[in-house]
């Protein structure tokens, strides 16, 4: 335990993600070997004990892997809610119990020693992998803006961008590709601005919820008809005009985000007044 290092999330990017947690699966290898020989010898008690221990270690390692994936997404995001399911914590408990069970029933150690080994494993897991994130990454929010709404809307916007990028790759029209690319880049700028200051979401709700969503829908329908060879020059021209209008709208949206904070204060006052009236204050 003296060589264990406290978990540091900033060091995660220094090693390939795919190897994270592999050590936890390796813990089950000696048990798998023992289970193999127990099967050959036909020792029913040993087979059952080793099978349960192996299953516990593999289950714990798999849960931990889910936790690592959730944590990576949390660390990569500028705005994020702390993971609701504490996979790493559950994994640590399952693996600690697996250690206790293996020590007591497979290695036939004493109860006290088995408990001590399980506790040491729990501490080692915490020092090496850490437990799950517990704090939301949302910054300071004003009246009328909730963390859930910011994360939901920006997450949905990123999915729309991903879909638009996929459409751009498949349209096979350089001019349309360039226009969609402009829409994508400009929208990413708006999302980045919202992530930097979530309170600006009040100025961008309509853009995200209506314009971007409808642009994605129409672009998907355009691609579908294009691949079915149902697009003529008139429709192609109309679609290009739409993309130009969307780009102009995004420019206007970005300008709104740069407006003085007095506008935001006015929105917050209005939201609070409505809330007070609804509550009868």
C-alpha atoms as a PDB file:
ATOM      1  CA  UNK A   1       0.000   0.000   0.000  1.00  0.00           C
ATOM      2  CA  UNK A   2       2.972   2.315   0.521  1.00  0.00           C
ATOM      3  CA  UNK A   3       3.479   2.550  -3.242  1.00  0.00           C
ATOM      4  CA  UNK A   4      -0.147   3.462  -3.980  1.00  0.00           C
ATOM      5  CA  UNK A   5      -0.701   6.906  -5.504  1.00  0.00           C
ATOM      6  CA  UNK A   6      -3.732   9.056  -4.848  1.00  0.00           C
ATOM      7  CA  UNK A   7      -5.999   9.251  -7.875  1.00  0.00           C
ATOM      8  CA  UNK A   8      -5.380  12.284 -10.096  1.00  0.00           C
ATOM      9  CA  UNK A   9      -7.973  12.887 -12.875  1.00  0.00           C
ATOM     10  CA  UNK A  10      -5.563  15.196 -14.744  1.00  0.00           C
ATOM     11  CA  UNK A  11      -3.230  12.275 -15.363  1.00  0.00           C
ATOM     12  CA  UNK A  12      -5.877  10.203 -17.130  1.00  0.00           C
ATOM     13  CA  UNK A  13      -5.110  11.618 -20.550  1.00  0.00           C
ATOM     14  CA  UNK A  14      -1.496  10.454 -20.304  1.00  0.00           C
ATOM     15  CA  UNK A  15      -2.346   6.785 -20.830  1.00  0.00           C
ATOM     16  CA  UNK A  16      -4.618   5.060 -23.372  1.00  0.00           C
ATOM     17  CA  UNK A  17      -8.163   4.815 -22.051  1.00  0.00           C
ATOM     18  CA  UNK A  18      -8.661   1.236 -23.248  1.00  0.00           C
ATOM     19  CA  UNK A  19      -6.158  -0.136 -20.703  1.00  0.00           C
ATOM     20  CA  UNK A  20      -7.837   1.530 -17.720  1.00  0.00           C
ATOM     21  CA  UNK A  21      -9.287  -1.123 -15.445  1.00  0.00           C
ATOM     22  CA  UNK A  22      -7.590  -4.087 -17.155  1.00  0.00           C
ATOM     23  CA  UNK A  23      -5.836  -4.866 -13.871  1.00  0.00           C
ATOM     24  CA  UNK A  24      -9.222  -5.519 -12.291  1.00  0.00           C
ATOM     25  CA  UNK A  25      -9.944  -8.276 -14.815  1.00  0.00           C
ATOM     26  CA  UNK A  26      -6.501  -9.771 -14.203  1.00  0.00           C
ATOM     27  CA  UNK A  27      -7.506 -10.292 -10.567  1.00  0.00           C
ATOM     28  CA  UNK A  28      -9.831 -13.061 -11.737  1.00  0.00           C
ATOM     29  CA  UNK A  29      -7.178 -14.974 -13.715  1.00  0.00           C
ATOM     30  CA  UNK A  30      -5.762 -17.043 -10.788  1.00  0.00           C
ATOM     31  CA  UNK A  31      -9.314 -17.973  -9.847  1.00  0.00           C
ATOM     32  CA  UNK A  32     -10.086 -19.040 -13.420  1.00  0.00           C
ATOM     33  CA  UNK A  33      -6.995 -21.253 -13.409  1.00  0.00           C
ATOM     34  CA  UNK A  34      -8.014 -22.716 -10.047  1.00  0.00           C
ATOM     35  CA  UNK A  35     -11.538 -23.269 -11.357  1.00  0.00           C
ATOM     36  CA  UNK A  36     -10.144 -25.149 -14.351  1.00  0.00           C
ATOM     37  CA  UNK A  37      -8.228 -27.576 -12.160  1.00  0.00           C
ATOM     38  CA  UNK A  38     -11.206 -27.918  -9.795  1.00  0.00           C
ATOM     39  CA  UNK A  39     -13.353 -28.935 -12.769  1.00  0.00           C
ATOM     40  CA  UNK A  40     -10.776 -31.532 -13.778  1.00  0.00           C
ATOM     41  CA  UNK A  41     -10.617 -32.959 -10.258  1.00  0.00           C
ATOM     42  CA  UNK A  42     -14.394 -32.865  -9.886  1.00  0.00           C
ATOM     43  CA  UNK A  43     -14.371 -31.113  -6.509  1.00  0.00           C
ATOM     44  CA  UNK A  44     -17.894 -29.733  -6.352  1.00  0.00           C
ATOM     45  CA  UNK A  45     -17.320 -27.474  -3.338  1.00  0.00           C
ATOM     46  CA  UNK A  46     -14.198 -25.896  -4.846  1.00  0.00           C
ATOM     47  CA  UNK A  47     -15.924 -25.461  -8.223  1.00  0.00           C
ATOM     48  CA  UNK A  48     -18.834 -23.584  -6.652  1.00  0.00           C
ATOM     49  CA  UNK A  49     -16.618 -21.406  -4.454  1.00  0.00           C
ATOM     50  CA  UNK A  50     -14.202 -20.473  -7.242  1.00  0.00           C
ATOM     51  CA  UNK A  51     -17.028 -19.891  -9.731  1.00  0.00           C
ATOM     52  CA  UNK A  52     -18.724 -17.426  -7.361  1.00  0.00           C
ATOM     53  CA  UNK A  53     -15.446 -15.643  -6.612  1.00  0.00           C
ATOM     54  CA  UNK A  54     -14.583 -15.400 -10.320  1.00  0.00           C
ATOM     55  CA  UNK A  55     -18.043 -14.068 -11.159  1.00  0.00           C
ATOM     56  CA  UNK A  56     -17.779 -11.424  -8.417  1.00  0.00           C
ATOM     57  CA  UNK A  57     -14.418 -10.152  -9.681  1.00  0.00           C
ATOM     58  CA  UNK A  58     -15.579 -10.054 -13.311  1.00  0.00           C
ATOM     59  CA  UNK A  59     -18.794  -8.295 -12.303  1.00  0.00           C
ATOM     60  CA  UNK A  60     -16.909  -5.722 -10.249  1.00  0.00           C
ATOM     61  CA  UNK A  61     -14.420  -5.079 -13.067  1.00  0.00           C
ATOM     62  CA  UNK A  62     -17.238  -4.635 -15.601  1.00  0.00           C
ATOM     63  CA  UNK A  63     -19.092  -2.175 -13.349  1.00  0.00           C
ATOM     64  CA  UNK A  64     -15.844  -0.253 -12.833  1.00  0.00           C
ATOM     65  CA  UNK A  65     -15.369  -0.018 -16.584  1.00  0.00           C
ATOM     66  CA  UNK A  66     -18.820   1.556 -16.899  1.00  0.00           C
ATOM     67  CA  UNK A  67     -17.779   4.033 -14.217  1.00  0.00           C
ATOM     68  CA  UNK A  68     -14.583   4.929 -16.067  1.00  0.00           C
ATOM     69  CA  UNK A  69     -16.567   5.615 -19.250  1.00  0.00           C
ATOM     70  CA  UNK A  70     -19.062   7.821 -17.382  1.00  0.00           C
ATOM     71  CA  UNK A  71     -16.227   9.679 -15.683  1.00  0.00           C
ATOM     72  CA  UNK A  72     -14.416  10.252 -18.972  1.00  0.00           C
ATOM     73  CA  UNK A  73     -17.539  11.829 -20.471  1.00  0.00           C
ATOM     74  CA  UNK A  74     -17.916  13.978 -17.353  1.00  0.00           C
ATOM     75  CA  UNK A  75     -14.282  15.139 -17.516  1.00  0.00           C
ATOM     76  CA  UNK A  76     -14.507  15.943 -21.240  1.00  0.00           C
ATOM     77  CA  UNK A  77     -17.648  18.049 -20.854  1.00  0.00           C
ATOM     78  CA  UNK A  78     -17.574  21.700 -19.917  1.00  0.00           C
ATOM     79  CA  UNK A  79     -21.090  21.357 -18.521  1.00  0.00           C
ATOM     80  CA  UNK A  80     -22.110  18.097 -16.886  1.00  0.00           C
ATOM     81  CA  UNK A  81     -24.167  16.659 -14.078  1.00  0.00           C
ATOM     82  CA  UNK A  82     -22.348  14.333 -11.716  1.00  0.00           C
ATOM     83  CA  UNK A  83     -23.127  10.722 -12.751  1.00  0.00           C
ATOM     84  CA  UNK A  84     -26.303   9.559 -11.024  1.00  0.00           C
ATOM     85  CA  UNK A  85     -25.217   5.924 -10.958  1.00  0.00           C
ATOM     86  CA  UNK A  86     -22.071   5.620  -8.853  1.00  0.00           C
ATOM     87  CA  UNK A  87     -20.538   2.781 -10.840  1.00  0.00           C
ATOM     88  CA  UNK A  88     -17.042   3.109  -9.382  1.00  0.00           C
ATOM     89  CA  UNK A  89     -18.343   3.136  -5.831  1.00  0.00           C
ATOM     90  CA  UNK A  90     -20.491   0.064  -6.476  1.00  0.00           C
ATOM     91  CA  UNK A  91     -17.527  -1.619  -8.171  1.00  0.00           C
ATOM     92  CA  UNK A  92     -15.271  -0.943  -5.189  1.00  0.00           C
ATOM     93  CA  UNK A  93     -17.863  -2.519  -2.867  1.00  0.00           C
ATOM     94  CA  UNK A  94     -18.368  -5.568  -5.108  1.00  0.00           C
ATOM     95  CA  UNK A  95     -14.628  -6.122  -5.534  1.00  0.00           C
ATOM     96  CA  UNK A  96     -13.983  -5.658  -1.821  1.00  0.00           C
ATOM     97  CA  UNK A  97     -16.645  -8.256  -1.102  1.00  0.00           C
ATOM     98  CA  UNK A  98     -15.078 -10.536  -3.736  1.00  0.00           C
ATOM     99  CA  UNK A  99     -11.754 -10.181  -1.924  1.00  0.00           C
ATOM    100  CA  UNK A 100     -13.409 -10.992   1.403  1.00  0.00           C
ATOM    101  CA  UNK A 101     -15.251 -13.992  -0.069  1.00  0.00           C
ATOM    102  CA  UNK A 102     -12.148 -15.369  -1.808  1.00  0.00           C
ATOM    103  CA  UNK A 103      -9.998 -14.964   1.273  1.00  0.00           C
ATOM    104  CA  UNK A 104     -12.518 -16.596   3.600  1.00  0.00           C
ATOM    105  CA  UNK A 105     -13.907 -19.424   1.472  1.00  0.00           C
ATOM    106  CA  UNK A 106     -11.244 -20.102  -1.183  1.00  0.00           C
ATOM    107  CA  UNK A 107      -8.030 -19.350   0.731  1.00  0.00           C
ATOM    108  CA  UNK A 108      -9.566 -20.357   4.089  1.00  0.00           C
ATOM    109  CA  UNK A 109      -8.165 -17.343   5.922  1.00  0.00           C
ATOM    110  CA  UNK A 110      -9.659 -16.158   9.202  1.00  0.00           C
ATOM    111  CA  UNK A 111     -12.678 -13.854   9.280  1.00  0.00           C
ATOM    112  CA  UNK A 112     -10.646 -10.951  10.689  1.00  0.00           C
ATOM    113  CA  UNK A 113      -7.928 -11.282   8.055  1.00  0.00           C
ATOM    114  CA  UNK A 114     -10.524 -11.497   5.295  1.00  0.00           C
ATOM    115  CA  UNK A 115     -12.188  -8.296   6.509  1.00  0.00           C
ATOM    116  CA  UNK A 116      -8.827  -6.517   6.727  1.00  0.00           C
ATOM    117  CA  UNK A 117      -7.917  -7.581   3.174  1.00  0.00           C
ATOM    118  CA  UNK A 118     -11.269  -6.336   1.881  1.00  0.00           C
ATOM    119  CA  UNK A 119     -10.757  -2.966   3.596  1.00  0.00           C
ATOM    120  CA  UNK A 120      -7.241  -2.677   2.195  1.00  0.00           C
ATOM    121  CA  UNK A 121      -8.605  -3.428  -1.265  1.00  0.00           C
ATOM    122  CA  UNK A 122     -11.226  -0.678  -0.868  1.00  0.00           C
ATOM    123  CA  UNK A 123      -8.571   1.836   0.170  1.00  0.00           C
ATOM    124  CA  UNK A 124      -6.291   0.766  -2.693  1.00  0.00           C
ATOM    125  CA  UNK A 125      -9.120   1.136  -5.189  1.00  0.00           C
ATOM    126  CA  UNK A 126      -9.828   4.660  -3.939  1.00  0.00           C
ATOM    127  CA  UNK A 127      -6.171   5.694  -4.074  1.00  0.00           C
ATOM    128  CA  UNK A 128      -5.628   4.322  -7.572  1.00  0.00           C
ATOM    129  CA  UNK A 129      -8.952   4.935  -9.331  1.00  0.00           C
ATOM    130  CA  UNK A 130     -10.845   7.340  -7.110  1.00  0.00           C
ATOM    131  CA  UNK A 131     -14.597   7.262  -6.641  1.00  0.00           C
ATOM    132  CA  UNK A 132     -17.237   8.850  -8.827  1.00  0.00           C
ATOM    133  CA  UNK A 133     -17.503  12.624  -9.432  1.00  0.00           C
ATOM    134  CA  UNK A 134     -19.974  14.182  -7.004  1.00  0.00           C
ATOM    135  CA  UNK A 135     -20.161  17.832  -8.075  1.00  0.00           C
ATOM    136  CA  UNK A 136     -22.127  19.184 -11.026  1.00  0.00           C
ATOM    137  CA  UNK A 137     -20.146  21.225 -13.551  1.00  0.00           C
ATOM    138  CA  UNK A 138     -22.587  24.023 -14.318  1.00  0.00           C
ATOM    139  CA  UNK A 139     -21.087  27.213 -12.915  1.00  0.00           C
ATOM    140  CA  UNK A 140     -23.244  29.863 -11.268  1.00  0.00           C
ATOM    141  CA  UNK A 141     -26.771  29.923 -12.650  1.00  0.00           C
ATOM    142  CA  UNK A 142     -29.126  32.860 -12.533  1.00  0.00           C
ATOM    143  CA  UNK A 143     -32.890  32.946 -12.150  1.00  0.00           C
ATOM    144  CA  UNK A 144     -34.824  31.162 -14.893  1.00  0.00           C
ATOM    145  CA  UNK A 145     -31.992  28.823 -15.896  1.00  0.00           C
ATOM    146  CA  UNK A 146     -31.527  25.337 -14.454  1.00  0.00           C
ATOM    147  CA  UNK A 147     -28.561  23.005 -14.738  1.00  0.00           C
ATOM    148  CA  UNK A 148     -30.762  20.236 -16.141  1.00  0.00           C
ATOM    149  CA  UNK A 149     -32.074  22.497 -18.895  1.00  0.00           C
ATOM    150  CA  UNK A 150     -28.621  23.759 -19.894  1.00  0.00           C
ATOM    151  CA  UNK A 151     -27.183  20.252 -20.097  1.00  0.00           C
ATOM    152  CA  UNK A 152     -30.226  18.843 -21.888  1.00  0.00           C
ATOM    153  CA  UNK A 153     -30.413  21.590 -24.527  1.00  0.00           C
ATOM    154  CA  UNK A 154     -26.681  21.745 -25.255  1.00  0.00           C
ATOM    155  CA  UNK A 155     -26.532  17.942 -25.353  1.00  0.00           C
ATOM    156  CA  UNK A 156     -29.387  17.844 -27.848  1.00  0.00           C
ATOM    157  CA  UNK A 157     -27.667  20.548 -29.899  1.00  0.00           C
ATOM    158  CA  UNK A 158     -24.462  18.501 -30.046  1.00  0.00           C
ATOM    159  CA  UNK A 159     -26.446  15.525 -31.330  1.00  0.00           C
ATOM    160  CA  UNK A 160     -27.935  17.748 -34.044  1.00  0.00           C
ATOM    161  CA  UNK A 161     -24.449  18.898 -34.996  1.00  0.00           C
ATOM    162  CA  UNK A 162     -23.274  15.299 -35.181  1.00  0.00           C
ATOM    163  CA  UNK A 163     -26.184  14.487 -37.478  1.00  0.00           C
ATOM    164  CA  UNK A 164     -25.441  17.515 -39.682  1.00  0.00           C
ATOM    165  CA  UNK A 165     -21.815  16.422 -39.971  1.00  0.00           C
ATOM    166  CA  UNK A 166     -22.968  13.001 -41.115  1.00  0.00           C
ATOM    167  CA  UNK A 167     -25.256  14.621 -43.704  1.00  0.00           C
ATOM    168  CA  UNK A 168     -22.413  16.851 -44.897  1.00  0.00           C
ATOM    169  CA  UNK A 169     -20.234  13.809 -45.596  1.00  0.00           C
ATOM    170  CA  UNK A 170     -22.961  12.139 -47.655  1.00  0.00           C
ATOM    171  CA  UNK A 171     -24.408  14.939 -49.826  1.00  0.00           C
ATOM    172  CA  UNK A 172     -21.500  14.847 -52.316  1.00  0.00           C
ATOM    173  CA  UNK A 173     -22.089  18.482 -53.258  1.00  0.00           C
ATOM    174  CA  UNK A 174     -19.125  20.775 -52.480  1.00  0.00           C
ATOM    175  CA  UNK A 175     -21.260  23.918 -52.221  1.00  0.00           C
ATOM    176  CA  UNK A 176     -23.843  22.330 -49.931  1.00  0.00           C
ATOM    177  CA  UNK A 177     -21.050  20.702 -47.901  1.00  0.00           C
ATOM    178  CA  UNK A 178     -19.443  24.110 -47.348  1.00  0.00           C
ATOM    179  CA  UNK A 179     -22.760  25.635 -46.285  1.00  0.00           C
ATOM    180  CA  UNK A 180     -23.528  22.850 -43.820  1.00  0.00           C
ATOM    181  CA  UNK A 181     -19.979  23.151 -42.511  1.00  0.00           C
ATOM    182  CA  UNK A 182     -20.590  26.859 -41.844  1.00  0.00           C
ATOM    183  CA  UNK A 183     -23.789  26.049 -39.963  1.00  0.00           C
ATOM    184  CA  UNK A 184     -21.937  23.448 -37.882  1.00  0.00           C
ATOM    185  CA  UNK A 185     -19.005  25.705 -37.019  1.00  0.00           C
ATOM    186  CA  UNK A 186     -21.199  28.696 -36.172  1.00  0.00           C
ATOM    187  CA  UNK A 187     -23.469  26.530 -34.006  1.00  0.00           C
ATOM    188  CA  UNK A 188     -20.460  25.091 -32.182  1.00  0.00           C
ATOM    189  CA  UNK A 189     -19.442  28.675 -31.375  1.00  0.00           C
ATOM    190  CA  UNK A 190     -22.875  29.336 -29.867  1.00  0.00           C
ATOM    191  CA  UNK A 191     -22.690  26.142 -27.795  1.00  0.00           C
ATOM    192  CA  UNK A 192     -19.192  27.087 -26.597  1.00  0.00           C
ATOM    193  CA  UNK A 193     -20.523  30.501 -25.546  1.00  0.00           C
ATOM    194  CA  UNK A 194     -23.391  28.892 -23.609  1.00  0.00           C
ATOM    195  CA  UNK A 195     -20.991  26.467 -21.925  1.00  0.00           C
ATOM    196  CA  UNK A 196     -18.804  29.406 -20.928  1.00  0.00           C
ATOM    197  CA  UNK A 197     -21.772  31.326 -19.524  1.00  0.00           C
ATOM    198  CA  UNK A 198     -24.867  29.098 -19.049  1.00  0.00           C
ATOM    199  CA  UNK A 199     -26.975  32.121 -18.109  1.00  0.00           C
ATOM    200  CA  UNK A 200     -26.948  33.130 -21.775  1.00  0.00           C
ATOM    201  CA  UNK A 201     -29.165  30.137 -22.518  1.00  0.00           C
ATOM    202  CA  UNK A 202     -32.194  32.394 -22.047  1.00  0.00           C
ATOM    203  CA  UNK A 203     -31.131  34.188 -25.234  1.00  0.00           C
ATOM    204  CA  UNK A 204     -30.599  31.001 -27.230  1.00  0.00           C
ATOM    205  CA  UNK A 205     -33.493  28.708 -26.292  1.00  0.00           C
ATOM    206  CA  UNK A 206     -35.483  29.378 -29.448  1.00  0.00           C
ATOM    207  CA  UNK A 207     -32.450  28.927 -31.674  1.00  0.00           C
ATOM    208  CA  UNK A 208     -31.626  25.520 -30.172  1.00  0.00           C
ATOM    209  CA  UNK A 209     -35.164  24.254 -29.697  1.00  0.00           C
ATOM    210  CA  UNK A 210     -36.629  25.441 -33.011  1.00  0.00           C
ATOM    211  CA  UNK A 211     -34.168  26.587 -35.674  1.00  0.00           C
ATOM    212  CA  UNK A 212     -31.378  24.072 -35.147  1.00  0.00           C
ATOM    213  CA  UNK A 213     -33.790  21.178 -34.627  1.00  0.00           C
ATOM    214  CA  UNK A 214     -35.778  22.049 -37.790  1.00  0.00           C
ATOM    215  CA  UNK A 215     -32.568  22.513 -39.789  1.00  0.00           C
ATOM    216  CA  UNK A 216     -31.463  19.018 -38.807  1.00  0.00           C
ATOM    217  CA  UNK A 217     -34.871  17.570 -39.733  1.00  0.00           C
ATOM    218  CA  UNK A 218     -35.005  19.286 -43.127  1.00  0.00           C
ATOM    219  CA  UNK A 219     -31.375  18.384 -43.894  1.00  0.00           C
ATOM    220  CA  UNK A 220     -32.078  14.730 -43.092  1.00  0.00           C
ATOM    221  CA  UNK A 221     -35.114  14.775 -45.381  1.00  0.00           C
ATOM    222  CA  UNK A 222     -33.056  16.477 -48.099  1.00  0.00           C
ATOM    223  CA  UNK A 223     -30.378  13.784 -47.879  1.00  0.00           C
ATOM    224  CA  UNK A 224     -32.993  11.024 -48.012  1.00  0.00           C
ATOM    225  CA  UNK A 225     -34.535  12.458 -51.188  1.00  0.00           C
ATOM    226  CA  UNK A 226     -31.108  13.174 -52.648  1.00  0.00           C
ATOM    227  CA  UNK A 227     -30.075   9.531 -52.265  1.00  0.00           C
ATOM    228  CA  UNK A 228     -33.393   8.518 -53.865  1.00  0.00           C
ATOM    229  CA  UNK A 229     -32.642  10.932 -56.742  1.00  0.00           C
ATOM    230  CA  UNK A 230     -35.735  13.012 -56.022  1.00  0.00           C
ATOM    231  CA  UNK A 231     -33.964  16.394 -55.793  1.00  0.00           C
ATOM    232  CA  UNK A 232     -34.182  18.812 -58.712  1.00  0.00           C
ATOM    233  CA  UNK A 233     -32.397  22.135 -59.155  1.00  0.00           C
ATOM    234  CA  UNK A 234     -35.287  24.071 -57.616  1.00  0.00           C
ATOM    235  CA  UNK A 235     -35.206  22.049 -54.405  1.00  0.00           C
ATOM    236  CA  UNK A 236     -31.424  22.207 -54.325  1.00  0.00           C
ATOM    237  CA  UNK A 237     -31.575  25.987 -54.650  1.00  0.00           C
ATOM    238  CA  UNK A 238     -34.221  26.262 -51.924  1.00  0.00           C
ATOM    239  CA  UNK A 239     -32.116  24.128 -49.587  1.00  0.00           C
ATOM    240  CA  UNK A 240     -29.054  26.294 -50.193  1.00  0.00           C
ATOM    241  CA  UNK A 241     -31.147  29.399 -49.486  1.00  0.00           C
ATOM    242  CA  UNK A 242     -32.319  27.802 -46.248  1.00  0.00           C
ATOM    243  CA  UNK A 243     -28.750  27.098 -45.138  1.00  0.00           C
ATOM    244  CA  UNK A 244     -27.795  30.703 -45.888  1.00  0.00           C
ATOM    245  CA  UNK A 245     -30.731  31.937 -43.808  1.00  0.00           C
ATOM    246  CA  UNK A 246     -29.783  29.636 -40.938  1.00  0.00           C
ATOM    247  CA  UNK A 247     -26.191  30.882 -41.026  1.00  0.00           C
ATOM    248  CA  UNK A 248     -27.457  34.476 -40.909  1.00  0.00           C
ATOM    249  CA  UNK A 249     -29.693  33.588 -37.966  1.00  0.00           C
ATOM    250  CA  UNK A 250     -26.756  32.056 -36.111  1.00  0.00           C
ATOM    251  CA  UNK A 251     -24.720  35.234 -36.664  1.00  0.00           C
ATOM    252  CA  UNK A 252     -27.584  37.213 -35.159  1.00  0.00           C
ATOM    253  CA  UNK A 253     -27.752  34.757 -32.274  1.00  0.00           C
ATOM    254  CA  UNK A 254     -24.041  35.174 -31.566  1.00  0.00           C
ATOM    255  CA  UNK A 255     -24.516  38.951 -31.553  1.00  0.00           C
ATOM    256  CA  UNK A 256     -27.307  38.584 -28.999  1.00  0.00           C
ATOM    257  CA  UNK A 257     -24.980  36.617 -26.745  1.00  0.00           C
ATOM    258  CA  UNK A 258     -22.623  39.596 -26.748  1.00  0.00           C
ATOM    259  CA  UNK A 259     -25.318  42.027 -25.657  1.00  0.00           C
ATOM    260  CA  UNK A 260     -25.003  43.858 -22.361  1.00  0.00           C
ATOM    261  CA  UNK A 261     -25.961  41.927 -19.232  1.00  0.00           C
ATOM    262  CA  UNK A 262     -28.791  44.402 -18.641  1.00  0.00           C
ATOM    263  CA  UNK A 263     -30.881  42.263 -20.988  1.00  0.00           C
ATOM    264  CA  UNK A 264     -30.175  39.203 -18.858  1.00  0.00           C
ATOM    265  CA  UNK A 265     -31.094  41.101 -15.693  1.00  0.00           C
ATOM    266  CA  UNK A 266     -34.389  42.125 -17.263  1.00  0.00           C
ATOM    267  CA  UNK A 267     -35.145  38.485 -18.123  1.00  0.00           C
ATOM    268  CA  UNK A 268     -34.314  37.363 -14.584  1.00  0.00           C
ATOM    269  CA  UNK A 269     -36.554  40.039 -13.059  1.00  0.00           C
ATOM    270  CA  UNK A 270     -39.408  39.007 -15.333  1.00  0.00           C
ATOM    271  CA  UNK A 271     -38.920  35.309 -14.482  1.00  0.00           C
ATOM    272  CA  UNK A 272     -38.916  36.020 -10.743  1.00  0.00           C
ATOM    273  CA  UNK A 273     -42.044  38.171 -11.019  1.00  0.00           C
ATOM    274  CA  UNK A 274     -43.864  35.345 -12.778  1.00  0.00           C
ATOM    275  CA  UNK A 275     -42.730  32.862 -10.165  1.00  0.00           C
ATOM    276  CA  UNK A 276     -43.906  35.104  -7.313  1.00  0.00           C
ATOM    277  CA  UNK A 277     -47.299  35.635  -8.949  1.00  0.00           C
ATOM    278  CA  UNK A 278     -47.731  31.896  -9.500  1.00  0.00           C
ATOM    279  CA  UNK A 279     -46.949  31.219  -5.859  1.00  0.00           C
ATOM    280  CA  UNK A 280     -49.309  33.953  -4.707  1.00  0.00           C
ATOM    281  CA  UNK A 281     -46.679  36.032  -2.945  1.00  0.00           C
END
